Amino acid sequence: MTGVHIRVPATSANLGPGFDSLGLALGLYDEIEATATDSGVSVSVQGEGAGELPGDEKHLIVRAAYAAFEALGVSPPGLRLRCVNRIPHARGLGSSAAAIVAGVLAGRALTPDGPQRMDSAGVLALAAQFEGHADNVAAALLGGATIAWRADSGFEAVRLEPAPGLRACVFVPQDRSETAQTRRLLPDSVPHADAAHAVARAALLVRGLTEAPQLLFAATEDRLHQPYRKSAMPESLELMARLRQNGEAAVVSGAGPTVLSFRFGTDGCTQDDNAVIGVPAGWSVMPLALDRGGAVCRRLET
């Protein structure tokens, strides 16, 4: 196999109390064509990150692909990537996880017998090791809703089927936020009462995502990480609070600054619909279906 096309969904992690464990795949996609070449590395990018991202071996997808090649014991002579990026970068929608999953899948697919030698669990383990945690990469790889954790043997995850009719509305600011920076705002320990609160809400969130969306408002209450990040993204926390005052199950998406609100049934999601809530100037409002299939890799037609 000399070339593959890969489509990877955006993701939202944490979802309130599910810090570093719960993830959700969203119907917004990056697409990548990866082709083995005789020599060298080249990357072209359209859309998000065009003109900013490296066009050589420093690109995140390339680095993830070569991690997969190394794990499989091969060393291809060259690699060419063509990327069409739609997932906003550094906004809490899993752009780095999508790139890592795409790279690992490309490395596996371009290796003879790669899919037989590295199964989905192997892809997850390598992608999560590369990312440092598994919540986003699990959702990007598996689709739907996911629960990820770190066992003694490494990262693992299970997929959950979201309730029919469940959708998302994301509020995306122009400003960016880096996960490493916002993590520094989190305390080393939290009060026992807040930990107990998070355990109960995270358990309820699983039921809300899969069978009972009416529980999502209560299930997305969080004391574990969102309040500590307010100084870094005050507009996000204020918008989330207004949405919740309006009865919506709203959370900071991942490490932010995007805000996600769950929608169910015929609830709308447009700039006009949400004007009354006070969406900050310059923010975009995006209605998104949930992705239920995860990353897809197929052979390029020759």
C-alpha atoms as a PDB file:
ATOM      1  CA  MET A   1       0.000   0.000   0.000  1.00  0.00           C
ATOM      2  CA  THR A   2       1.519   3.327  -1.060  1.00  0.00           C
ATOM      3  CA  GLY A   3      -1.185   5.839  -0.085  1.00  0.00           C
ATOM      4  CA  VAL A   4      -4.102   6.222   2.326  1.00  0.00           C
ATOM      5  CA  HIS A   5      -6.839   8.725   3.086  1.00  0.00           C
ATOM      6  CA  ILE A   6      -7.644   9.288   6.757  1.00  0.00           C
ATOM      7  CA  ARG A   7     -10.555  11.186   8.277  1.00  0.00           C
ATOM      8  CA  VAL A   8     -10.434  11.982  11.994  1.00  0.00           C
ATOM      9  CA  PRO A   9     -13.124  13.711  14.084  1.00  0.00           C
ATOM     10  CA  ALA A  10     -12.790  16.591  16.493  1.00  0.00           C
ATOM     11  CA  THR A  11     -13.284  15.665  20.117  1.00  0.00           C
ATOM     12  CA  SER A  12     -14.295  17.205  23.410  1.00  0.00           C
ATOM     13  CA  ALA A  13     -12.810  15.840  26.620  1.00  0.00           C
ATOM     14  CA  ASN A  14     -13.579  16.156  30.339  1.00  0.00           C
ATOM     15  CA  LEU A  15     -17.234  17.113  29.684  1.00  0.00           C
ATOM     16  CA  GLY A  16     -17.400  18.678  33.126  1.00  0.00           C
ATOM     17  CA  PRO A  17     -16.487  16.223  35.903  1.00  0.00           C
ATOM     18  CA  GLY A  18     -14.902  13.548  33.680  1.00  0.00           C
ATOM     19  CA  PHE A  19     -11.421  15.060  33.905  1.00  0.00           C
ATOM     20  CA  ASP A  20      -8.858  13.192  31.754  1.00  0.00           C
ATOM     21  CA  SER A  21     -11.262  10.275  31.359  1.00  0.00           C
ATOM     22  CA  LEU A  22     -14.433  11.076  29.381  1.00  0.00           C
ATOM     23  CA  GLY A  23     -14.418  12.029  25.720  1.00  0.00           C
ATOM     24  CA  LEU A  24     -16.890  12.688  22.918  1.00  0.00           C
ATOM     25  CA  ALA A  25     -16.367  12.594  19.140  1.00  0.00           C
ATOM     26  CA  LEU A  26     -17.844  15.488  17.154  1.00  0.00           C
ATOM     27  CA  GLY A  27     -18.924  15.786  13.531  1.00  0.00           C
ATOM     28  CA  LEU A  28     -16.086  18.070  12.435  1.00  0.00           C
ATOM     29  CA  TYR A  29     -13.189  16.468  10.586  1.00  0.00           C
ATOM     30  CA  ASP A  30      -9.587  16.781   9.521  1.00  0.00           C
ATOM     31  CA  GLU A  31      -8.690  14.836   6.377  1.00  0.00           C
ATOM     32  CA  ILE A  32      -5.218  13.627   5.498  1.00  0.00           C
ATOM     33  CA  GLU A  33      -3.698  11.905   2.495  1.00  0.00           C
ATOM     34  CA  ALA A  34      -0.489  10.080   3.389  1.00  0.00           C
ATOM     35  CA  THR A  35       1.722   8.626   0.679  1.00  0.00           C
ATOM     36  CA  ALA A  36       4.971   6.704   0.909  1.00  0.00           C
ATOM     37  CA  THR A  37       7.620   8.295  -1.325  1.00  0.00           C
ATOM     38  CA  ASP A  38      11.160   7.498  -2.469  1.00  0.00           C
ATOM     39  CA  SER A  39      12.755  10.079  -0.174  1.00  0.00           C
ATOM     40  CA  GLY A  40      12.214  13.108   2.024  1.00  0.00           C
ATOM     41  CA  VAL A  41       9.249  14.433   3.977  1.00  0.00           C
ATOM     42  CA  SER A  42       6.802  17.056   2.756  1.00  0.00           C
ATOM     43  CA  VAL A  43       3.572  18.388   4.267  1.00  0.00           C
ATOM     44  CA  SER A  44       0.984  20.672   2.682  1.00  0.00           C
ATOM     45  CA  VAL A  45      -1.788  22.174   4.811  1.00  0.00           C
ATOM     46  CA  GLN A  46      -5.090  23.752   3.838  1.00  0.00           C
ATOM     47  CA  GLY A  47      -7.460  25.333   6.340  1.00  0.00           C
ATOM     48  CA  GLU A  48      -6.587  25.559  10.027  1.00  0.00           C
ATOM     49  CA  GLY A  49      -2.863  26.013  10.579  1.00  0.00           C
ATOM     50  CA  ALA A  50      -2.030  26.823   6.949  1.00  0.00           C
ATOM     51  CA  GLY A  51       1.110  28.944   6.888  1.00  0.00           C
ATOM     52  CA  GLU A  52       1.798  28.194  10.562  1.00  0.00           C
ATOM     53  CA  LEU A  53       2.452  24.468  10.839  1.00  0.00           C
ATOM     54  CA  PRO A  54       5.813  22.976   9.845  1.00  0.00           C
ATOM     55  CA  GLY A  55       6.047  21.384   6.402  1.00  0.00           C
ATOM     56  CA  ASP A  56       8.688  18.816   7.308  1.00  0.00           C
ATOM     57  CA  GLU A  57       9.472  16.070   9.794  1.00  0.00           C
ATOM     58  CA  LYS A  58       8.579  18.398  12.692  1.00  0.00           C
ATOM     59  CA  HIS A  59       4.879  18.225  11.823  1.00  0.00           C
ATOM     60  CA  LEU A  60       2.922  16.374  14.513  1.00  0.00           C
ATOM     61  CA  ILE A  61       1.348  13.891  12.086  1.00  0.00           C
ATOM     62  CA  VAL A  62       4.770  13.023  10.684  1.00  0.00           C
ATOM     63  CA  ARG A  63       6.208  12.502  14.157  1.00  0.00           C
ATOM     64  CA  ALA A  64       3.283  10.253  15.120  1.00  0.00           C
ATOM     65  CA  ALA A  65       3.592   8.297  11.864  1.00  0.00           C
ATOM     66  CA  TYR A  66       7.286   7.695  12.457  1.00  0.00           C
ATOM     67  CA  ALA A  67       6.530   6.586  16.010  1.00  0.00           C
ATOM     68  CA  ALA A  68       4.253   3.946  14.470  1.00  0.00           C
ATOM     69  CA  PHE A  69       6.925   2.971  11.933  1.00  0.00           C
ATOM     70  CA  GLU A  70       9.420   2.568  14.752  1.00  0.00           C
ATOM     71  CA  ALA A  71       6.998   0.491  16.807  1.00  0.00           C
ATOM     72  CA  LEU A  72       6.491  -1.774  13.786  1.00  0.00           C
ATOM     73  CA  GLY A  73      10.197  -2.007  13.078  1.00  0.00           C
ATOM     74  CA  VAL A  74      10.244  -0.344   9.656  1.00  0.00           C
ATOM     75  CA  SER A  75      11.786   2.793   8.205  1.00  0.00           C
ATOM     76  CA  PRO A  76      10.151   4.101   5.002  1.00  0.00           C
ATOM     77  CA  PRO A  77      12.338   6.135   2.627  1.00  0.00           C
ATOM     78  CA  GLY A  78       9.942   9.107   2.497  1.00  0.00           C
ATOM     79  CA  LEU A  79       6.488  10.452   3.321  1.00  0.00           C
ATOM     80  CA  ARG A  80       4.155  13.031   1.783  1.00  0.00           C
ATOM     81  CA  LEU A  81       1.143  14.468   3.604  1.00  0.00           C
ATOM     82  CA  ARG A  82      -1.697  16.557   2.267  1.00  0.00           C
ATOM     83  CA  CYS A  83      -3.833  17.904   5.098  1.00  0.00           C
ATOM     84  CA  VAL A  84      -7.216  19.600   5.018  1.00  0.00           C
ATOM     85  CA  ASN A  85      -7.740  20.894   8.551  1.00  0.00           C
ATOM     86  CA  ARG A  86     -11.128  21.952   9.856  1.00  0.00           C
ATOM     87  CA  ILE A  87     -10.641  21.438  13.588  1.00  0.00           C
ATOM     88  CA  PRO A  88      -9.679  24.750  15.270  1.00  0.00           C
ATOM     89  CA  HIS A  89      -6.225  24.624  16.826  1.00  0.00           C
ATOM     90  CA  ALA A  90      -5.584  25.165  20.543  1.00  0.00           C
ATOM     91  CA  ARG A  91      -9.283  25.656  21.298  1.00  0.00           C
ATOM     92  CA  GLY A  92     -10.079  22.488  23.284  1.00  0.00           C
ATOM     93  CA  LEU A  93     -11.471  20.482  20.352  1.00  0.00           C
ATOM     94  CA  GLY A  94      -8.793  17.815  20.100  1.00  0.00           C
ATOM     95  CA  SER A  95      -6.774  19.037  17.118  1.00  0.00           C
ATOM     96  CA  SER A  96      -3.525  17.540  18.434  1.00  0.00           C
ATOM     97  CA  ALA A  97      -5.239  14.245  19.263  1.00  0.00           C
ATOM     98  CA  ALA A  98      -6.667  14.118  15.733  1.00  0.00           C
ATOM     99  CA  ALA A  99      -3.199  14.690  14.282  1.00  0.00           C
ATOM    100  CA  ILE A 100      -1.661  12.003  16.461  1.00  0.00           C
ATOM    101  CA  VAL A 101      -4.354   9.439  15.641  1.00  0.00           C
ATOM    102  CA  ALA A 102      -4.018  10.266  11.940  1.00  0.00           C
ATOM    103  CA  GLY A 103      -0.256   9.833  12.112  1.00  0.00           C
ATOM    104  CA  VAL A 104      -0.361   6.495  13.915  1.00  0.00           C
ATOM    105  CA  LEU A 105      -3.017   5.181  11.531  1.00  0.00           C
ATOM    106  CA  ALA A 106      -0.959   6.353   8.554  1.00  0.00           C
ATOM    107  CA  GLY A 107       2.184   4.668   9.861  1.00  0.00           C
ATOM    108  CA  ARG A 108       0.299   1.442  10.486  1.00  0.00           C
ATOM    109  CA  ALA A 109      -1.445   1.475   7.097  1.00  0.00           C
ATOM    110  CA  LEU A 110       1.745   2.222   5.139  1.00  0.00           C
ATOM    111  CA  THR A 111       3.584  -0.663   6.797  1.00  0.00           C
ATOM    112  CA  PRO A 112       3.275  -4.120   5.194  1.00  0.00           C
ATOM    113  CA  ASP A 113       0.955  -6.176   7.415  1.00  0.00           C
ATOM    114  CA  GLY A 114       0.740  -3.163   9.730  1.00  0.00           C
ATOM    115  CA  PRO A 115      -2.984  -3.574  10.538  1.00  0.00           C
ATOM    116  CA  GLN A 116      -2.381  -7.225  11.389  1.00  0.00           C
ATOM    117  CA  ARG A 117       0.607  -6.404  13.586  1.00  0.00           C
ATOM    118  CA  MET A 118      -0.952  -3.413  15.382  1.00  0.00           C
ATOM    119  CA  ASP A 119      -4.616  -3.725  16.343  1.00  0.00           C
ATOM    120  CA  SER A 120      -6.899  -0.923  17.535  1.00  0.00           C
ATOM    121  CA  ALA A 121      -5.721  -1.381  21.107  1.00  0.00           C
ATOM    122  CA  GLY A 122      -2.156  -0.925  19.896  1.00  0.00           C
ATOM    123  CA  VAL A 123      -3.102   2.240  18.008  1.00  0.00           C
ATOM    124  CA  LEU A 124      -4.794   3.607  21.132  1.00  0.00           C
ATOM    125  CA  ALA A 125      -1.839   2.743  23.350  1.00  0.00           C
ATOM    126  CA  LEU A 126       0.706   4.395  21.060  1.00  0.00           C
ATOM    127  CA  ALA A 127      -1.439   7.486  20.405  1.00  0.00           C
ATOM    128  CA  ALA A 128      -2.179   7.935  24.111  1.00  0.00           C
ATOM    129  CA  GLN A 129       1.479   7.520  25.012  1.00  0.00           C
ATOM    130  CA  PHE A 130       2.336  10.173  22.433  1.00  0.00           C
ATOM    131  CA  GLU A 131      -0.398  12.555  23.674  1.00  0.00           C
ATOM    132  CA  GLY A 132       0.232  11.890  27.364  1.00  0.00           C
ATOM    133  CA  HIS A 133      -3.391  10.981  28.140  1.00  0.00           C
ATOM    134  CA  ALA A 134      -6.088   8.984  26.383  1.00  0.00           C
ATOM    135  CA  ASP A 135      -9.375  10.897  26.633  1.00  0.00           C
ATOM    136  CA  ASN A 136      -9.209  12.753  23.303  1.00  0.00           C
ATOM    137  CA  VAL A 137      -7.364  10.110  21.296  1.00  0.00           C
ATOM    138  CA  ALA A 138      -9.816   7.422  22.422  1.00  0.00           C
ATOM    139  CA  ALA A 139     -12.807   9.436  21.206  1.00  0.00           C
ATOM    140  CA  ALA A 140     -11.038  10.353  17.943  1.00  0.00           C
ATOM    141  CA  LEU A 141     -10.178   6.724  17.252  1.00  0.00           C
ATOM    142  CA  LEU A 142     -13.368   5.003  18.407  1.00  0.00           C
ATOM    143  CA  GLY A 143     -16.071   7.632  17.875  1.00  0.00           C
ATOM    144  CA  GLY A 144     -19.137   8.096  20.067  1.00  0.00           C
ATOM    145  CA  ALA A 145     -18.492   8.663  23.765  1.00  0.00           C
ATOM    146  CA  THR A 146     -15.519   7.053  25.464  1.00  0.00           C
ATOM    147  CA  ILE A 147     -14.163   6.321  28.904  1.00  0.00           C
ATOM    148  CA  ALA A 148     -10.370   6.146  29.061  1.00  0.00           C
ATOM    149  CA  TRP A 149      -8.070   5.213  31.895  1.00  0.00           C
ATOM    150  CA  ARG A 150      -4.495   4.258  32.615  1.00  0.00           C
ATOM    151  CA  ALA A 151      -4.029   0.700  33.832  1.00  0.00           C
ATOM    152  CA  ASP A 152      -0.787  -0.862  35.077  1.00  0.00           C
ATOM    153  CA  SER A 153      -0.245  -2.205  31.564  1.00  0.00           C
ATOM    154  CA  GLY A 154      -0.908   1.139  29.839  1.00  0.00           C
ATOM    155  CA  PHE A 155      -3.792   3.173  28.459  1.00  0.00           C
ATOM    156  CA  GLU A 156      -7.172   1.579  27.790  1.00  0.00           C
ATOM    157  CA  ALA A 157     -10.605   2.788  26.711  1.00  0.00           C
ATOM    158  CA  VAL A 158     -14.162   1.638  26.095  1.00  0.00           C
ATOM    159  CA  ARG A 159     -16.679   3.101  23.692  1.00  0.00           C
ATOM    160  CA  LEU A 160     -20.239   4.095  24.637  1.00  0.00           C
ATOM    161  CA  GLU A 161     -23.059   4.663  22.154  1.00  0.00           C
ATOM    162  CA  PRO A 162     -24.505   8.157  22.686  1.00  0.00           C
ATOM    163  CA  ALA A 163     -28.250   8.523  23.073  1.00  0.00           C
ATOM    164  CA  PRO A 164     -30.128   8.992  19.776  1.00  0.00           C
ATOM    165  CA  GLY A 165     -30.828  12.644  19.069  1.00  0.00           C
ATOM    166  CA  LEU A 166     -27.989  13.928  21.242  1.00  0.00           C
ATOM    167  CA  ARG A 167     -26.011  16.736  19.585  1.00  0.00           C
ATOM    168  CA  ALA A 168     -23.633  19.515  20.543  1.00  0.00           C
ATOM    169  CA  CYS A 169     -23.326  23.242  20.090  1.00  0.00           C
ATOM    170  CA  VAL A 170     -19.809  24.622  20.373  1.00  0.00           C
ATOM    171  CA  PHE A 171     -18.894  28.246  20.988  1.00  0.00           C
ATOM    172  CA  VAL A 172     -15.401  28.859  19.609  1.00  0.00           C
ATOM    173  CA  PRO A 173     -13.403  32.001  20.466  1.00  0.00           C
ATOM    174  CA  GLN A 174     -10.663  33.543  18.368  1.00  0.00           C
ATOM    175  CA  ASP A 175      -8.177  33.337  21.244  1.00  0.00           C
ATOM    176  CA  ARG A 176      -6.187  30.160  21.732  1.00  0.00           C
ATOM    177  CA  SER A 177      -5.208  28.275  24.851  1.00  0.00           C
ATOM    178  CA  GLU A 178      -2.469  25.716  25.385  1.00  0.00           C
ATOM    179  CA  THR A 179      -3.303  22.648  27.492  1.00  0.00           C
ATOM    180  CA  ALA A 180       0.069  22.694  29.268  1.00  0.00           C
ATOM    181  CA  GLN A 181      -0.491  26.274  30.396  1.00  0.00           C
ATOM    182  CA  THR A 182      -4.004  25.745  31.750  1.00  0.00           C
ATOM    183  CA  ARG A 183      -2.947  22.561  33.546  1.00  0.00           C
ATOM    184  CA  ARG A 184      -0.532  24.625  35.613  1.00  0.00           C
ATOM    185  CA  LEU A 185      -3.532  26.389  37.145  1.00  0.00           C
ATOM    186  CA  LEU A 186      -4.851  23.155  38.651  1.00  0.00           C
ATOM    187  CA  PRO A 187      -4.042  22.415  42.290  1.00  0.00           C
ATOM    188  CA  ASP A 188      -2.126  19.321  43.336  1.00  0.00           C
ATOM    189  CA  SER A 189      -5.030  18.272  45.564  1.00  0.00           C
ATOM    190  CA  VAL A 190      -8.703  19.091  45.970  1.00  0.00           C
ATOM    191  CA  PRO A 191     -11.057  18.884  48.962  1.00  0.00           C
ATOM    192  CA  HIS A 192     -12.506  15.448  49.620  1.00  0.00           C
ATOM    193  CA  ALA A 193     -16.027  16.815  49.190  1.00  0.00           C
ATOM    194  CA  ASP A 194     -15.172  18.082  45.695  1.00  0.00           C
ATOM    195  CA  ALA A 195     -13.686  14.701  44.762  1.00  0.00           C
ATOM    196  CA  ALA A 196     -16.836  12.931  45.945  1.00  0.00           C
ATOM    197  CA  HIS A 197     -18.925  15.443  43.992  1.00  0.00           C
ATOM    198  CA  ALA A 198     -16.925  14.667  40.828  1.00  0.00           C
ATOM    199  CA  VAL A 199     -17.249  10.895  41.241  1.00  0.00           C
ATOM    200  CA  ALA A 200     -21.031  11.102  41.540  1.00  0.00           C
ATOM    201  CA  ARG A 201     -21.437  13.505  38.626  1.00  0.00           C
ATOM    202  CA  ALA A 202     -19.094  11.524  36.348  1.00  0.00           C
ATOM    203  CA  ALA A 203     -21.056   8.343  37.007  1.00  0.00           C
ATOM    204  CA  LEU A 204     -24.291  10.211  36.291  1.00  0.00           C
ATOM    205  CA  LEU A 205     -22.748  11.648  33.125  1.00  0.00           C
ATOM    206  CA  VAL A 206     -22.302   8.174  31.659  1.00  0.00           C
ATOM    207  CA  ARG A 207     -26.036   7.533  32.083  1.00  0.00           C
ATOM    208  CA  GLY A 208     -26.870  10.971  30.695  1.00  0.00           C
ATOM    209  CA  LEU A 209     -24.738  10.532  27.575  1.00  0.00           C
ATOM    210  CA  THR A 210     -26.072   7.102  26.715  1.00  0.00           C
ATOM    211  CA  GLU A 211     -29.670   6.771  27.929  1.00  0.00           C
ATOM    212  CA  ALA A 212     -31.041   9.801  29.722  1.00  0.00           C
ATOM    213  CA  PRO A 213     -29.997  13.188  28.262  1.00  0.00           C
ATOM    214  CA  GLN A 214     -32.339  14.938  30.705  1.00  0.00           C
ATOM    215  CA  LEU A 215     -29.722  14.152  33.359  1.00  0.00           C
ATOM    216  CA  LEU A 216     -26.924  16.000  31.567  1.00  0.00           C
ATOM    217  CA  PHE A 217     -27.479  19.343  33.264  1.00  0.00           C
ATOM    218  CA  ALA A 218     -26.926  17.870  36.731  1.00  0.00           C
ATOM    219  CA  ALA A 219     -24.265  15.482  35.435  1.00  0.00           C
ATOM    220  CA  THR A 220     -22.067  18.239  33.992  1.00  0.00           C
ATOM    221  CA  GLU A 221     -21.668  20.169  37.245  1.00  0.00           C
ATOM    222  CA  ASP A 222     -17.955  20.417  37.964  1.00  0.00           C
ATOM    223  CA  ARG A 223     -15.740  21.476  40.868  1.00  0.00           C
ATOM    224  CA  LEU A 224     -12.642  19.572  39.813  1.00  0.00           C
ATOM    225  CA  HIS A 225     -10.972  21.699  37.132  1.00  0.00           C
ATOM    226  CA  GLN A 226     -13.161  24.351  35.462  1.00  0.00           C
ATOM    227  CA  PRO A 227     -13.290  26.865  38.356  1.00  0.00           C
ATOM    228  CA  TYR A 228      -9.489  26.853  38.617  1.00  0.00           C
ATOM    229  CA  ARG A 229      -9.144  27.857  34.957  1.00  0.00           C
ATOM    230  CA  LYS A 230     -11.292  30.973  35.149  1.00  0.00           C
ATOM    231  CA  SER A 231      -8.346  33.357  35.368  1.00  0.00           C
ATOM    232  CA  ALA A 232      -7.018  32.053  32.039  1.00  0.00           C
ATOM    233  CA  MET A 233     -10.356  32.155  30.198  1.00  0.00           C
ATOM    234  CA  PRO A 234     -12.845  34.410  32.009  1.00  0.00           C
ATOM    235  CA  GLU A 235     -15.073  34.879  28.946  1.00  0.00           C
ATOM    236  CA  SER A 236     -15.423  31.110  28.570  1.00  0.00           C
ATOM    237  CA  LEU A 237     -16.420  30.567  32.185  1.00  0.00           C
ATOM    238  CA  GLU A 238     -18.816  33.504  32.071  1.00  0.00           C
ATOM    239  CA  LEU A 239     -20.469  32.199  28.894  1.00  0.00           C
ATOM    240  CA  MET A 240     -20.710  28.725  30.392  1.00  0.00           C
ATOM    241  CA  ALA A 241     -22.377  30.204  33.483  1.00  0.00           C
ATOM    242  CA  ARG A 242     -24.907  32.117  31.358  1.00  0.00           C
ATOM    243  CA  LEU A 243     -25.734  29.005  29.372  1.00  0.00           C
ATOM    244  CA  ARG A 244     -26.236  27.029  32.560  1.00  0.00           C
ATOM    245  CA  GLN A 245     -28.420  29.779  33.994  1.00  0.00           C
ATOM    246  CA  ASN A 246     -30.477  29.316  30.836  1.00  0.00           C
ATOM    247  CA  GLY A 247     -30.871  25.629  31.699  1.00  0.00           C
ATOM    248  CA  GLU A 248     -28.294  24.276  29.250  1.00  0.00           C
ATOM    249  CA  ALA A 249     -25.801  21.523  30.074  1.00  0.00           C
ATOM    250  CA  ALA A 250     -22.712  23.571  29.205  1.00  0.00           C
ATOM    251  CA  VAL A 251     -19.051  22.783  29.883  1.00  0.00           C
ATOM    252  CA  VAL A 252     -15.610  23.985  28.926  1.00  0.00           C
ATOM    253  CA  SER A 253     -14.478  21.759  26.068  1.00  0.00           C
ATOM    254  CA  GLY A 254     -11.252  20.024  27.041  1.00  0.00           C
ATOM    255  CA  ALA A 255      -8.759  22.561  28.319  1.00  0.00           C
ATOM    256  CA  GLY A 256     -10.752  25.368  26.657  1.00  0.00           C
ATOM    257  CA  PRO A 257     -11.374  28.034  25.733  1.00  0.00           C
ATOM    258  CA  THR A 258     -14.217  26.582  23.591  1.00  0.00           C
ATOM    259  CA  VAL A 259     -17.513  26.054  25.402  1.00  0.00           C
ATOM    260  CA  LEU A 260     -19.739  23.085  24.536  1.00  0.00           C
ATOM    261  CA  SER A 261     -23.458  22.862  25.262  1.00  0.00           C
ATOM    262  CA  PHE A 262     -25.397  19.647  24.827  1.00  0.00           C
ATOM    263  CA  ARG A 263     -28.528  19.772  22.700  1.00  0.00           C
ATOM    264  CA  PHE A 264     -31.234  17.152  22.353  1.00  0.00           C
ATOM    265  CA  GLY A 265     -34.138  16.711  19.969  1.00  0.00           C
ATOM    266  CA  THR A 266     -35.075  19.882  18.096  1.00  0.00           C
ATOM    267  CA  ASP A 267     -33.075  22.393  20.163  1.00  0.00           C
ATOM    268  CA  GLY A 268     -31.447  24.901  17.828  1.00  0.00           C
ATOM    269  CA  CYS A 269     -27.935  26.218  17.641  1.00  0.00           C
ATOM    270  CA  THR A 270     -27.363  29.393  15.622  1.00  0.00           C
ATOM    271  CA  GLN A 271     -25.776  32.747  16.245  1.00  0.00           C
ATOM    272  CA  ASP A 272     -29.252  34.318  16.367  1.00  0.00           C
ATOM    273  CA  ASP A 273     -30.667  31.667  18.685  1.00  0.00           C
ATOM    274  CA  ASN A 274     -27.903  32.336  21.185  1.00  0.00           C
ATOM    275  CA  ALA A 275     -27.712  36.124  20.912  1.00  0.00           C
ATOM    276  CA  VAL A 276     -29.826  36.488  24.031  1.00  0.00           C
ATOM    277  CA  ILE A 277     -27.227  34.555  26.014  1.00  0.00           C
ATOM    278  CA  GLY A 278     -24.541  37.084  25.202  1.00  0.00           C
ATOM    279  CA  VAL A 279     -22.040  35.176  23.078  1.00  0.00           C
ATOM    280  CA  PRO A 280     -18.870  37.334  23.093  1.00  0.00           C
ATOM    281  CA  ALA A 281     -18.067  39.305  19.958  1.00  0.00           C
ATOM    282  CA  GLY A 282     -15.918  37.391  17.515  1.00  0.00           C
ATOM    283  CA  TRP A 283     -16.912  33.947  18.755  1.00  0.00           C
ATOM    284  CA  SER A 284     -18.334  31.459  16.252  1.00  0.00           C
ATOM    285  CA  VAL A 285     -21.295  29.232  17.030  1.00  0.00           C
ATOM    286  CA  MET A 286     -21.200  25.776  15.457  1.00  0.00           C
ATOM    287  CA  PRO A 287     -23.971  23.160  15.573  1.00  0.00           C
ATOM    288  CA  LEU A 288     -22.387  19.710  15.437  1.00  0.00           C
ATOM    289  CA  ALA A 289     -23.718  16.207  15.206  1.00  0.00           C
ATOM    290  CA  LEU A 290     -21.884  13.590  17.207  1.00  0.00           C
ATOM    291  CA  ASP A 291     -19.481  11.393  15.299  1.00  0.00           C
ATOM    292  CA  ARG A 292     -20.328   7.780  15.920  1.00  0.00           C
ATOM    293  CA  GLY A 293     -17.780   6.004  13.726  1.00  0.00           C
ATOM    294  CA  GLY A 294     -14.415   7.394  14.754  1.00  0.00           C
ATOM    295  CA  ALA A 295     -11.341   7.672  12.561  1.00  0.00           C
ATOM    296  CA  VAL A 296     -11.573   6.091   9.101  1.00  0.00           C
ATOM    297  CA  CYS A 297      -8.578   4.980   7.042  1.00  0.00           C
ATOM    298  CA  ARG A 298      -8.966   3.787   3.454  1.00  0.00           C
ATOM    299  CA  ARG A 299      -6.625   3.041   0.576  1.00  0.00           C
ATOM    300  CA  LEU A 300      -6.171   5.748  -2.028  1.00  0.00           C
ATOM    301  CA  GLU A 301      -7.386   4.882  -5.508  1.00  0.00           C
ATOM    302  CA  THR A 302      -4.549   4.437  -7.981  1.00  0.00           C
END
